[in-house]
C-alpha cells in the first residue's frame, strides 16, 4: 500500500496559490482514479482510497495547514504501519525549481519548506520520496511567505497545468514501476535553447 500526500493549505483563500501545488497534483490524481468518490475525513485530512495499477493507495490531503502537515502524515503512516522510504510519496511545491518543472527525490533536506520540515520532525527524520513541483524563485522585492501564498500569474497557468499532469504521471510511475524508473524518466535536464 502507498500513502500519497499532497501538501497545501485548506480553504478558498489559498486555492490556486503556489504553496498549494501539492493539492493541485493530488486533485488531478483524484480526477483520474476516483472521479465520483466522496473524500473521507480522517487523520486530520481528506482521504480517498484508490488503486493505481494493482497497488492500493490512499490519497491524503492534510487539513492542518502547511506548518502542521506532519501531524496528519505521521498518523496515517503509523495507522497503516508503513515504511516511509518505500510506502510514502509527498508532493510539494519548490521555489528552487522554475514553474513548469518537476523533480523526484528519494529524500533530502526540507529546503526551508515548513511542510517538509514538520513531516521530517513527525517521522523522526525517516527518508521518504518526494515529488517537487516548481513554483519559481522568490522575486527580489518579495519575502518568501508572500510569494508562496501568491497565485500563479496568467502567463504561467499553461506551464503549471503541464507540471501538474507530469507530477501526477510521475506519482503513478513511482507506484507502478518504482522510484528509480520514475526518476530516470522525469528528472531530465532541460537544455537551454540553441542559437539557430
N, C-alpha and C. Protein backbone atom coordinates (compact mmCIF):
# COMPACT_ATOMS: atom_id res chain seq x y z
N UNK A 1 0.83 -1.20 0.00
CA UNK A 1 0.00 0.00 0.00
C UNK A 1 0.87 1.25 0.00
N UNK A 2 0.43 2.26 -0.73
CA UNK A 2 1.16 3.53 -0.78
C UNK A 2 0.29 4.65 -0.22
N UNK A 3 0.92 5.54 0.52
CA UNK A 3 0.28 6.75 1.01
C UNK A 3 0.83 7.92 0.17
N UNK A 4 -0.07 8.57 -0.56
CA UNK A 4 0.33 9.67 -1.46
C UNK A 4 -0.23 10.96 -0.88
N UNK A 5 0.67 11.86 -0.49
CA UNK A 5 0.30 13.07 0.23
C UNK A 5 0.57 14.30 -0.64
N UNK A 6 -0.43 15.15 -0.78
CA UNK A 6 -0.24 16.44 -1.45
C UNK A 6 -0.29 17.53 -0.39
N UNK A 7 0.74 18.39 -0.35
CA UNK A 7 0.79 19.44 0.66
C UNK A 7 0.16 20.73 0.16
N UNK A 8 -0.48 21.43 1.09
CA UNK A 8 -1.11 22.71 0.78
C UNK A 8 -1.83 23.24 2.01
N UNK A 9 -2.57 24.31 1.81
CA UNK A 9 -3.38 24.92 2.87
C UNK A 9 -4.85 24.80 2.49
N UNK A 10 -5.71 24.42 3.44
CA UNK A 10 -7.13 24.30 3.14
C UNK A 10 -7.83 25.65 3.05
N UNK A 11 -8.95 25.69 2.35
CA UNK A 11 -9.77 26.90 2.31
C UNK A 11 -9.66 27.65 0.99
N UNK A 12 -10.76 28.35 0.66
CA UNK A 12 -10.84 29.12 -0.59
C UNK A 12 -9.72 30.14 -0.72
N UNK A 13 -9.35 30.73 0.41
CA UNK A 13 -8.33 31.79 0.41
C UNK A 13 -7.02 31.32 -0.23
N UNK A 14 -6.73 30.02 -0.10
CA UNK A 14 -5.44 29.50 -0.57
C UNK A 14 -5.52 28.73 -1.88
N UNK A 15 -6.73 28.59 -2.43
CA UNK A 15 -6.86 27.83 -3.68
C UNK A 15 -6.02 28.46 -4.79
N UNK A 16 -5.36 27.58 -5.55
CA UNK A 16 -4.55 28.00 -6.71
C UNK A 16 -3.35 28.87 -6.34
N UNK A 17 -2.95 28.88 -5.06
CA UNK A 17 -1.72 29.58 -4.72
C UNK A 17 -0.54 28.65 -4.98
N UNK A 18 0.65 29.24 -5.06
CA UNK A 18 1.86 28.46 -5.36
C UNK A 18 2.08 27.37 -4.31
N UNK A 19 1.81 27.70 -3.05
CA UNK A 19 2.04 26.76 -1.95
C UNK A 19 1.11 25.55 -2.04
N UNK A 20 0.06 25.63 -2.85
CA UNK A 20 -0.90 24.54 -2.96
C UNK A 20 -0.67 23.64 -4.17
N UNK A 21 0.53 23.70 -4.72
CA UNK A 21 0.83 22.84 -5.87
C UNK A 21 0.62 21.36 -5.54
N UNK A 22 0.96 20.96 -4.32
CA UNK A 22 0.75 19.57 -3.91
C UNK A 22 -0.71 19.18 -3.93
N UNK A 23 -1.58 20.09 -3.45
CA UNK A 23 -3.03 19.85 -3.50
C UNK A 23 -3.49 19.70 -4.95
N UNK A 24 -2.95 20.53 -5.84
CA UNK A 24 -3.36 20.51 -7.25
C UNK A 24 -3.04 19.15 -7.89
N UNK A 25 -1.87 18.61 -7.58
CA UNK A 25 -1.49 17.31 -8.13
C UNK A 25 -2.37 16.21 -7.54
N UNK A 26 -2.63 16.29 -6.24
CA UNK A 26 -3.50 15.29 -5.61
C UNK A 26 -4.90 15.33 -6.21
N UNK A 27 -5.40 16.53 -6.49
CA UNK A 27 -6.71 16.67 -7.13
C UNK A 27 -6.72 16.01 -8.51
N UNK A 28 -5.61 16.16 -9.26
CA UNK A 28 -5.52 15.53 -10.58
C UNK A 28 -5.54 14.00 -10.45
N UNK A 29 -4.83 13.47 -9.47
CA UNK A 29 -4.84 12.02 -9.24
C UNK A 29 -6.25 11.55 -8.85
N UNK A 30 -6.94 12.35 -8.05
CA UNK A 30 -8.31 12.01 -7.65
C UNK A 30 -9.23 11.99 -8.86
N UNK A 31 -9.06 12.97 -9.78
CA UNK A 31 -9.87 13.00 -11.00
C UNK A 31 -9.66 11.74 -11.83
N UNK A 32 -8.42 11.28 -11.88
CA UNK A 32 -8.08 10.12 -12.70
C UNK A 32 -8.56 8.80 -12.08
N UNK A 33 -8.43 8.68 -10.76
CA UNK A 33 -8.60 7.37 -10.13
C UNK A 33 -9.84 7.25 -9.24
N UNK A 34 -10.48 8.36 -8.89
CA UNK A 34 -11.67 8.30 -8.03
C UNK A 34 -12.63 9.43 -8.37
N UNK A 35 -13.04 9.53 -9.65
CA UNK A 35 -13.80 10.71 -10.09
C UNK A 35 -15.13 10.91 -9.38
N UNK A 36 -15.75 9.84 -8.90
CA UNK A 36 -17.06 10.02 -8.28
C UNK A 36 -17.05 9.70 -6.78
N UNK A 37 -15.85 9.46 -6.24
CA UNK A 37 -15.76 9.08 -4.84
C UNK A 37 -15.82 10.33 -3.94
N UNK A 38 -16.47 10.18 -2.79
CA UNK A 38 -16.53 11.28 -1.81
C UNK A 38 -15.40 11.07 -0.79
N UNK A 39 -14.62 12.12 -0.56
CA UNK A 39 -13.48 12.01 0.36
C UNK A 39 -13.95 11.77 1.79
N UNK A 40 -13.15 10.96 2.51
CA UNK A 40 -13.41 10.72 3.94
C UNK A 40 -12.55 11.68 4.75
N UNK A 41 -13.05 12.03 5.93
CA UNK A 41 -12.28 12.86 6.86
C UNK A 41 -11.66 11.96 7.91
N UNK A 42 -10.34 11.83 7.86
CA UNK A 42 -9.60 11.07 8.87
C UNK A 42 -8.15 11.52 8.86
N UNK A 43 -7.45 11.26 9.96
CA UNK A 43 -6.04 11.67 10.11
C UNK A 43 -5.88 13.19 9.97
N UNK A 44 -6.88 13.96 10.38
CA UNK A 44 -6.85 15.42 10.20
C UNK A 44 -6.64 15.77 8.73
N UNK A 45 -7.29 15.01 7.85
CA UNK A 45 -7.07 15.16 6.41
C UNK A 45 -8.32 14.68 5.67
N UNK A 46 -8.35 14.99 4.38
CA UNK A 46 -9.32 14.39 3.47
C UNK A 46 -8.61 13.26 2.75
N UNK A 47 -9.24 12.09 2.67
CA UNK A 47 -8.59 10.93 2.07
C UNK A 47 -9.50 10.25 1.05
N UNK A 48 -8.88 9.63 0.07
CA UNK A 48 -9.57 8.79 -0.91
C UNK A 48 -8.81 7.48 -1.02
N UNK A 49 -9.54 6.38 -1.02
CA UNK A 49 -8.93 5.06 -1.25
C UNK A 49 -9.02 4.77 -2.75
N UNK A 50 -7.86 4.56 -3.38
CA UNK A 50 -7.83 4.33 -4.83
C UNK A 50 -6.91 3.15 -5.12
N UNK A 51 -6.93 2.75 -6.37
CA UNK A 51 -6.00 1.72 -6.85
C UNK A 51 -5.27 2.31 -8.05
N UNK A 52 -3.95 2.27 -8.00
CA UNK A 52 -3.14 2.72 -9.13
C UNK A 52 -2.40 1.50 -9.65
N UNK A 53 -2.73 1.07 -10.87
CA UNK A 53 -2.28 -0.23 -11.33
C UNK A 53 -2.92 -1.27 -10.43
N UNK A 54 -2.12 -2.14 -9.86
CA UNK A 54 -2.66 -3.15 -8.94
C UNK A 54 -2.44 -2.77 -7.48
N UNK A 55 -1.89 -1.58 -7.24
CA UNK A 55 -1.49 -1.17 -5.89
C UNK A 55 -2.59 -0.37 -5.20
N UNK A 56 -3.05 -0.81 -4.01
CA UNK A 56 -3.97 0.03 -3.25
C UNK A 56 -3.22 1.25 -2.71
N UNK A 57 -3.86 2.41 -2.81
CA UNK A 57 -3.24 3.66 -2.39
C UNK A 57 -4.25 4.50 -1.61
N UNK A 58 -3.74 5.34 -0.74
CA UNK A 58 -4.56 6.36 -0.08
C UNK A 58 -4.04 7.72 -0.51
N UNK A 59 -4.92 8.53 -1.10
CA UNK A 59 -4.58 9.92 -1.40
C UNK A 59 -4.94 10.73 -0.16
N UNK A 60 -3.98 11.50 0.34
CA UNK A 60 -4.19 12.23 1.60
C UNK A 60 -3.88 13.71 1.42
N UNK A 61 -4.84 14.54 1.80
CA UNK A 61 -4.70 15.99 1.72
C UNK A 61 -4.85 16.54 3.14
N UNK A 62 -3.73 16.86 3.82
CA UNK A 62 -3.83 17.34 5.20
C UNK A 62 -4.65 18.63 5.30
N UNK A 63 -5.49 18.71 6.33
CA UNK A 63 -6.31 19.89 6.58
C UNK A 63 -5.78 20.67 7.78
N UNK A 64 -4.51 20.46 8.10
CA UNK A 64 -3.91 21.03 9.32
C UNK A 64 -3.22 22.37 9.06
N UNK A 65 -3.20 22.83 7.83
CA UNK A 65 -2.36 23.93 7.36
C UNK A 65 -0.92 23.43 7.24
N UNK A 66 -0.20 24.06 6.33
CA UNK A 66 1.11 23.58 5.91
C UNK A 66 2.06 23.29 7.07
N UNK A 67 2.15 24.22 8.02
CA UNK A 67 3.17 24.11 9.07
C UNK A 67 2.94 22.95 10.02
N UNK A 68 1.77 22.30 9.94
CA UNK A 68 1.49 21.16 10.82
C UNK A 68 1.16 19.90 10.02
N UNK A 69 1.67 19.83 8.81
CA UNK A 69 1.40 18.68 7.93
C UNK A 69 1.86 17.36 8.55
N UNK A 70 2.93 17.41 9.33
CA UNK A 70 3.49 16.19 9.91
C UNK A 70 2.51 15.45 10.80
N UNK A 71 1.64 16.18 11.49
CA UNK A 71 0.66 15.55 12.38
C UNK A 71 -0.21 14.57 11.59
N UNK A 72 -0.73 15.03 10.47
CA UNK A 72 -1.60 14.22 9.63
C UNK A 72 -0.84 13.05 9.00
N UNK A 73 0.32 13.34 8.43
CA UNK A 73 1.10 12.31 7.74
C UNK A 73 1.54 11.22 8.71
N UNK A 74 2.05 11.61 9.87
CA UNK A 74 2.52 10.62 10.85
C UNK A 74 1.39 9.73 11.34
N UNK A 75 0.21 10.32 11.56
CA UNK A 75 -0.93 9.50 12.00
C UNK A 75 -1.25 8.42 10.97
N UNK A 76 -1.29 8.79 9.69
CA UNK A 76 -1.60 7.82 8.64
C UNK A 76 -0.49 6.78 8.49
N UNK A 77 0.77 7.21 8.54
CA UNK A 77 1.90 6.28 8.43
C UNK A 77 1.84 5.24 9.54
N UNK A 78 1.58 5.70 10.79
CA UNK A 78 1.53 4.77 11.92
C UNK A 78 0.30 3.87 11.86
N UNK A 79 -0.83 4.42 11.44
CA UNK A 79 -2.06 3.65 11.36
C UNK A 79 -1.91 2.48 10.38
N UNK A 80 -1.33 2.77 9.22
CA UNK A 80 -1.19 1.73 8.18
C UNK A 80 0.10 0.92 8.33
N UNK A 81 0.92 1.28 9.34
CA UNK A 81 2.21 0.59 9.60
C UNK A 81 3.10 0.62 8.34
N UNK A 82 3.30 1.81 7.81
CA UNK A 82 4.06 1.98 6.57
C UNK A 82 5.52 2.27 6.86
N UNK A 83 6.37 1.89 5.92
CA UNK A 83 7.79 2.27 5.94
C UNK A 83 7.93 3.49 5.03
N UNK A 84 8.16 4.69 5.59
CA UNK A 84 8.15 5.91 4.76
C UNK A 84 9.03 5.85 3.53
N UNK A 85 10.21 5.23 3.63
CA UNK A 85 11.13 5.24 2.48
C UNK A 85 10.59 4.43 1.30
N UNK A 86 9.64 3.51 1.55
CA UNK A 86 9.08 2.69 0.47
C UNK A 86 7.61 2.99 0.18
N UNK A 87 6.87 3.43 1.19
CA UNK A 87 5.40 3.47 1.08
C UNK A 87 4.80 4.87 1.08
N UNK A 88 5.61 5.90 1.26
CA UNK A 88 5.11 7.28 1.34
C UNK A 88 5.64 8.08 0.15
N UNK A 89 4.77 8.87 -0.46
CA UNK A 89 5.18 9.81 -1.51
C UNK A 89 4.57 11.16 -1.14
N UNK A 90 5.40 12.19 -1.04
CA UNK A 90 4.93 13.52 -0.69
C UNK A 90 5.11 14.45 -1.89
N UNK A 91 4.04 15.14 -2.27
CA UNK A 91 4.06 16.08 -3.40
C UNK A 91 4.09 17.48 -2.82
N UNK A 92 5.08 18.28 -3.22
CA UNK A 92 5.34 19.55 -2.55
C UNK A 92 5.77 20.62 -3.56
N UNK A 93 5.45 21.87 -3.27
CA UNK A 93 5.92 22.99 -4.09
C UNK A 93 7.39 23.27 -3.78
N UNK A 94 8.11 23.85 -4.76
CA UNK A 94 9.53 24.11 -4.57
C UNK A 94 9.95 25.40 -5.27
N UNK A 95 10.45 26.36 -4.48
CA UNK A 95 10.89 27.65 -5.04
C UNK A 95 12.23 27.53 -5.77
N UNK A 96 12.93 26.40 -5.60
CA UNK A 96 14.22 26.22 -6.26
C UNK A 96 14.07 25.74 -7.70
N UNK A 97 12.84 25.44 -8.12
CA UNK A 97 12.60 24.95 -9.48
C UNK A 97 11.75 25.94 -10.25
N UNK A 98 12.02 26.13 -11.54
CA UNK A 98 11.20 27.02 -12.36
C UNK A 98 9.77 26.48 -12.49
N UNK A 99 8.84 27.39 -12.70
CA UNK A 99 7.45 26.99 -12.95
C UNK A 99 7.41 26.06 -14.16
N UNK A 100 6.65 24.97 -14.05
CA UNK A 100 6.52 24.04 -15.16
C UNK A 100 7.45 22.85 -15.07
N UNK A 101 8.36 22.82 -14.09
CA UNK A 101 9.29 21.70 -13.95
C UNK A 101 8.95 20.89 -12.69
N UNK A 102 9.35 19.63 -12.73
CA UNK A 102 9.21 18.78 -11.54
C UNK A 102 10.52 18.03 -11.33
N UNK A 103 10.74 17.56 -10.10
CA UNK A 103 11.89 16.73 -9.77
C UNK A 103 11.45 15.70 -8.75
N UNK A 104 11.98 14.50 -8.87
CA UNK A 104 11.73 13.45 -7.88
C UNK A 104 13.00 13.20 -7.09
N UNK A 105 12.84 12.99 -5.80
CA UNK A 105 13.97 12.72 -4.93
C UNK A 105 13.60 11.62 -3.94
N UNK A 106 14.56 10.77 -3.55
CA UNK A 106 14.27 9.72 -2.58
C UNK A 106 14.23 10.24 -1.14
N UNK A 107 14.71 11.45 -0.93
CA UNK A 107 14.77 12.03 0.42
C UNK A 107 15.44 13.38 0.30
N UNK A 108 16.14 13.79 1.37
CA UNK A 108 16.87 15.05 1.33
C UNK A 108 16.40 16.02 2.39
N UNK A 109 16.93 17.23 2.31
CA UNK A 109 16.59 18.25 3.31
C UNK A 109 15.22 18.85 3.00
N UNK A 110 14.71 19.62 3.96
CA UNK A 110 13.41 20.26 3.73
C UNK A 110 13.54 21.49 2.85
N UNK A 111 14.76 21.98 2.61
CA UNK A 111 14.97 23.13 1.73
C UNK A 111 14.26 24.39 2.20
N UNK A 112 14.03 24.50 3.50
CA UNK A 112 13.34 25.67 4.03
C UNK A 112 11.83 25.60 3.91
N UNK A 113 11.30 24.43 3.50
CA UNK A 113 9.85 24.28 3.33
C UNK A 113 9.25 23.82 4.66
N UNK A 114 8.34 24.62 5.21
CA UNK A 114 7.79 24.33 6.54
C UNK A 114 7.00 23.03 6.59
N UNK A 115 6.30 22.69 5.50
CA UNK A 115 5.55 21.44 5.48
C UNK A 115 6.47 20.23 5.56
N UNK A 116 7.54 20.24 4.75
CA UNK A 116 8.50 19.14 4.79
C UNK A 116 9.21 19.09 6.14
N UNK A 117 9.54 20.25 6.69
CA UNK A 117 10.22 20.29 7.99
C UNK A 117 9.35 19.64 9.07
N UNK A 118 8.04 19.89 9.02
CA UNK A 118 7.15 19.32 10.02
C UNK A 118 6.99 17.81 9.83
N UNK A 119 6.94 17.36 8.57
CA UNK A 119 6.87 15.92 8.32
C UNK A 119 8.16 15.25 8.79
N UNK A 120 9.32 15.86 8.50
CA UNK A 120 10.61 15.32 8.95
C UNK A 120 10.61 15.16 10.46
N UNK A 121 10.12 16.18 11.17
CA UNK A 121 10.07 16.14 12.63
C UNK A 121 9.15 15.01 13.09
N UNK A 122 7.97 14.92 12.49
CA UNK A 122 6.97 13.94 12.93
C UNK A 122 7.41 12.51 12.63
N UNK A 123 8.22 12.33 11.59
CA UNK A 123 8.70 10.98 11.23
C UNK A 123 10.11 10.72 11.74
N UNK A 124 10.57 11.58 12.63
CA UNK A 124 11.90 11.42 13.26
C UNK A 124 13.02 11.30 12.23
N UNK A 125 12.89 12.07 11.15
CA UNK A 125 13.97 12.13 10.16
C UNK A 125 14.00 10.98 9.17
N UNK A 126 13.00 10.10 9.19
CA UNK A 126 12.98 8.98 8.22
C UNK A 126 12.91 9.54 6.80
N UNK A 127 13.70 8.99 5.87
CA UNK A 127 13.63 9.47 4.49
C UNK A 127 12.34 9.00 3.82
N UNK A 128 11.88 9.78 2.86
CA UNK A 128 10.68 9.42 2.09
C UNK A 128 10.76 10.12 0.73
N UNK A 129 10.26 9.46 -0.32
CA UNK A 129 10.28 10.08 -1.65
C UNK A 129 9.40 11.32 -1.71
N UNK A 130 9.86 12.27 -2.50
CA UNK A 130 9.05 13.47 -2.73
C UNK A 130 9.06 13.85 -4.20
N UNK A 131 7.93 14.36 -4.64
CA UNK A 131 7.79 14.91 -5.99
C UNK A 131 7.69 16.41 -5.82
N UNK A 132 8.70 17.12 -6.31
CA UNK A 132 8.78 18.57 -6.14
C UNK A 132 8.26 19.26 -7.40
N UNK A 133 7.35 20.19 -7.20
CA UNK A 133 6.73 20.92 -8.31
C UNK A 133 7.23 22.37 -8.27
N UNK A 134 7.87 22.80 -9.36
CA UNK A 134 8.46 24.13 -9.39
C UNK A 134 7.41 25.24 -9.35
N UNK A 135 7.65 26.22 -8.48
CA UNK A 135 6.75 27.38 -8.39
C UNK A 135 7.50 28.69 -8.68
N UNK A 136 8.76 28.57 -9.06
CA UNK A 136 9.54 29.77 -9.41
C UNK A 136 10.24 30.37 -8.21
N UNK A 137 11.38 31.01 -8.50
CA UNK A 137 12.18 31.63 -7.44
C UNK A 137 11.47 32.86 -6.88
N UNK A 138 11.73 33.13 -5.61
CA UNK A 138 11.15 34.30 -4.94
C UNK A 138 11.75 35.56 -5.57
N UNK A 139 10.91 36.47 -6.08
CA UNK A 139 11.46 37.72 -6.64
C UNK A 139 12.18 38.53 -5.56
N UNK A 140 13.16 39.31 -5.98
CA UNK A 140 13.98 40.07 -5.02
C UNK A 140 13.15 41.01 -4.15
N UNK A 141 12.03 41.50 -4.69
CA UNK A 141 11.25 42.51 -3.96
C UNK A 141 10.21 41.89 -3.02
N UNK A 142 10.16 40.54 -2.95
CA UNK A 142 9.15 39.89 -2.11
C UNK A 142 9.79 39.03 -1.04
N UNK A 143 9.07 38.85 0.06
CA UNK A 143 9.51 37.88 1.06
C UNK A 143 8.92 36.53 0.66
N UNK A 144 9.60 35.47 1.08
CA UNK A 144 9.21 34.11 0.67
C UNK A 144 7.75 33.79 1.01
N UNK A 145 7.32 34.13 2.23
CA UNK A 145 5.95 33.79 2.66
C UNK A 145 4.91 34.42 1.73
N UNK A 146 5.14 35.67 1.32
CA UNK A 146 4.18 36.33 0.41
C UNK A 146 4.20 35.69 -0.97
N UNK A 147 5.38 35.29 -1.43
CA UNK A 147 5.50 34.68 -2.75
C UNK A 147 4.76 33.34 -2.81
N UNK A 148 5.00 32.46 -1.83
CA UNK A 148 4.41 31.13 -1.91
C UNK A 148 2.89 31.19 -1.73
N UNK A 149 2.40 32.23 -1.08
CA UNK A 149 0.94 32.37 -0.90
C UNK A 149 0.28 33.20 -2.00
N UNK A 150 1.09 33.60 -3.00
CA UNK A 150 0.51 34.33 -4.14
C UNK A 150 -0.02 33.35 -5.16
N UNK A 151 -0.92 33.82 -6.02
CA UNK A 151 -1.46 32.96 -7.07
C UNK A 151 -0.55 33.00 -8.29
N UNK A 152 -0.61 31.93 -9.07
CA UNK A 152 0.16 31.90 -10.31
C UNK A 152 -0.33 32.99 -11.25
N UNK A 153 0.59 33.57 -12.01
CA UNK A 153 0.22 34.60 -12.98
C UNK A 153 -0.42 33.94 -14.21
N UNK A 154 -1.22 34.71 -14.90
CA UNK A 154 -1.96 34.19 -16.05
C UNK A 154 -1.03 33.52 -17.06
N UNK A 155 0.12 34.14 -17.31
CA UNK A 155 1.03 33.59 -18.31
C UNK A 155 1.74 32.31 -17.83
N UNK A 156 1.62 31.99 -16.54
CA UNK A 156 2.23 30.76 -16.02
C UNK A 156 1.27 29.57 -16.03
N UNK A 157 -0.02 29.82 -16.21
CA UNK A 157 -1.02 28.77 -15.97
C UNK A 157 -0.85 27.54 -16.86
N UNK A 158 -0.51 27.75 -18.13
CA UNK A 158 -0.33 26.59 -19.03
C UNK A 158 0.82 25.72 -18.54
N UNK A 159 1.93 26.35 -18.16
CA UNK A 159 3.08 25.60 -17.64
C UNK A 159 2.73 24.89 -16.33
N UNK A 160 1.94 25.55 -15.48
CA UNK A 160 1.53 24.94 -14.21
C UNK A 160 0.72 23.68 -14.47
N UNK A 161 -0.24 23.76 -15.39
CA UNK A 161 -1.07 22.60 -15.68
C UNK A 161 -0.25 21.45 -16.25
N UNK A 162 0.73 21.77 -17.08
CA UNK A 162 1.62 20.73 -17.62
C UNK A 162 2.41 20.08 -16.50
N UNK A 163 2.89 20.89 -15.55
CA UNK A 163 3.65 20.35 -14.42
C UNK A 163 2.77 19.48 -13.52
N UNK A 164 1.52 19.90 -13.32
CA UNK A 164 0.58 19.12 -12.50
C UNK A 164 0.34 17.76 -13.16
N UNK A 165 0.13 17.76 -14.48
CA UNK A 165 -0.06 16.50 -15.20
C UNK A 165 1.19 15.61 -15.11
N UNK A 166 2.36 16.23 -15.31
CA UNK A 166 3.61 15.46 -15.25
C UNK A 166 3.84 14.89 -13.86
N UNK A 167 3.55 15.68 -12.83
CA UNK A 167 3.73 15.22 -11.45
C UNK A 167 2.79 14.05 -11.15
N UNK A 168 1.54 14.14 -11.64
CA UNK A 168 0.60 13.03 -11.45
C UNK A 168 1.10 11.78 -12.19
N UNK A 169 1.61 11.96 -13.42
CA UNK A 169 2.19 10.84 -14.17
C UNK A 169 3.36 10.22 -13.39
N UNK A 170 4.19 11.10 -12.81
CA UNK A 170 5.37 10.63 -12.07
C UNK A 170 4.97 9.82 -10.85
N UNK A 171 3.96 10.29 -10.12
CA UNK A 171 3.48 9.55 -8.95
C UNK A 171 2.98 8.17 -9.37
N UNK A 172 2.22 8.13 -10.45
CA UNK A 172 1.71 6.84 -10.94
C UNK A 172 2.85 5.90 -11.29
N UNK A 173 3.91 6.44 -11.87
CA UNK A 173 5.05 5.60 -12.25
C UNK A 173 5.82 5.13 -11.03
N UNK A 174 5.94 5.98 -10.01
CA UNK A 174 6.59 5.55 -8.77
C UNK A 174 5.82 4.35 -8.20
N UNK A 175 4.50 4.45 -8.19
CA UNK A 175 3.67 3.38 -7.63
C UNK A 175 3.78 2.09 -8.44
N UNK A 176 3.74 2.21 -9.77
CA UNK A 176 3.66 1.01 -10.61
C UNK A 176 5.01 0.44 -11.02
N UNK A 177 6.05 1.32 -11.13
CA UNK A 177 7.34 0.84 -11.63
C UNK A 177 8.51 1.12 -10.70
N UNK A 178 8.28 1.91 -9.65
CA UNK A 178 9.34 2.20 -8.70
C UNK A 178 9.93 3.59 -8.88
N UNK A 179 10.57 4.07 -7.81
CA UNK A 179 11.12 5.42 -7.78
C UNK A 179 12.25 5.61 -8.79
N UNK A 180 13.14 4.63 -8.91
CA UNK A 180 14.28 4.77 -9.84
C UNK A 180 13.81 4.96 -11.27
N UNK A 181 12.83 4.16 -11.69
CA UNK A 181 12.31 4.28 -13.05
C UNK A 181 11.69 5.65 -13.27
N UNK A 182 10.95 6.13 -12.27
CA UNK A 182 10.31 7.44 -12.40
C UNK A 182 11.35 8.56 -12.42
N UNK A 183 12.39 8.46 -11.60
CA UNK A 183 13.45 9.49 -11.60
C UNK A 183 14.16 9.51 -12.95
N UNK A 184 14.42 8.32 -13.50
CA UNK A 184 15.09 8.26 -14.81
C UNK A 184 14.26 8.92 -15.89
N UNK A 185 12.96 8.79 -15.81
CA UNK A 185 12.11 9.39 -16.84
C UNK A 185 11.87 10.87 -16.62
N UNK A 186 11.59 11.28 -15.39
CA UNK A 186 11.10 12.64 -15.15
C UNK A 186 12.16 13.63 -14.70
N UNK A 187 13.34 13.17 -14.29
CA UNK A 187 14.37 14.10 -13.84
C UNK A 187 15.33 14.48 -14.96
N UNK A 188 14.79 14.67 -16.14
CA UNK A 188 15.63 15.06 -17.27
C UNK A 188 16.05 16.52 -17.13
N UNK A 189 17.27 16.78 -17.56
CA UNK A 189 17.76 18.16 -17.58
C UNK A 189 17.08 18.89 -18.73
N UNK A 190 16.73 20.15 -18.48
CA UNK A 190 16.16 20.97 -19.55
C UNK A 190 17.30 21.68 -20.24
N UNK A 191 17.47 21.43 -21.54
CA UNK A 191 18.58 22.07 -22.26
C UNK A 191 18.24 23.51 -22.59
N UNK A 192 19.24 24.38 -22.51
CA UNK A 192 18.99 25.77 -22.93
C UNK A 192 18.72 25.81 -24.43
N UNK A 193 17.92 26.76 -24.91
CA UNK A 193 17.63 26.83 -26.35
C UNK A 193 18.91 27.06 -27.14
N UNK A 194 19.02 26.39 -28.28
CA UNK A 194 20.21 26.54 -29.13
C UNK A 194 20.00 27.71 -30.09
N UNK A 195 21.09 28.43 -30.32
CA UNK A 195 21.03 29.51 -31.31
C UNK A 195 20.96 28.89 -32.69
N UNK A 196 20.11 29.46 -33.54
CA UNK A 196 19.96 28.93 -34.91
C UNK A 196 21.18 29.31 -35.72
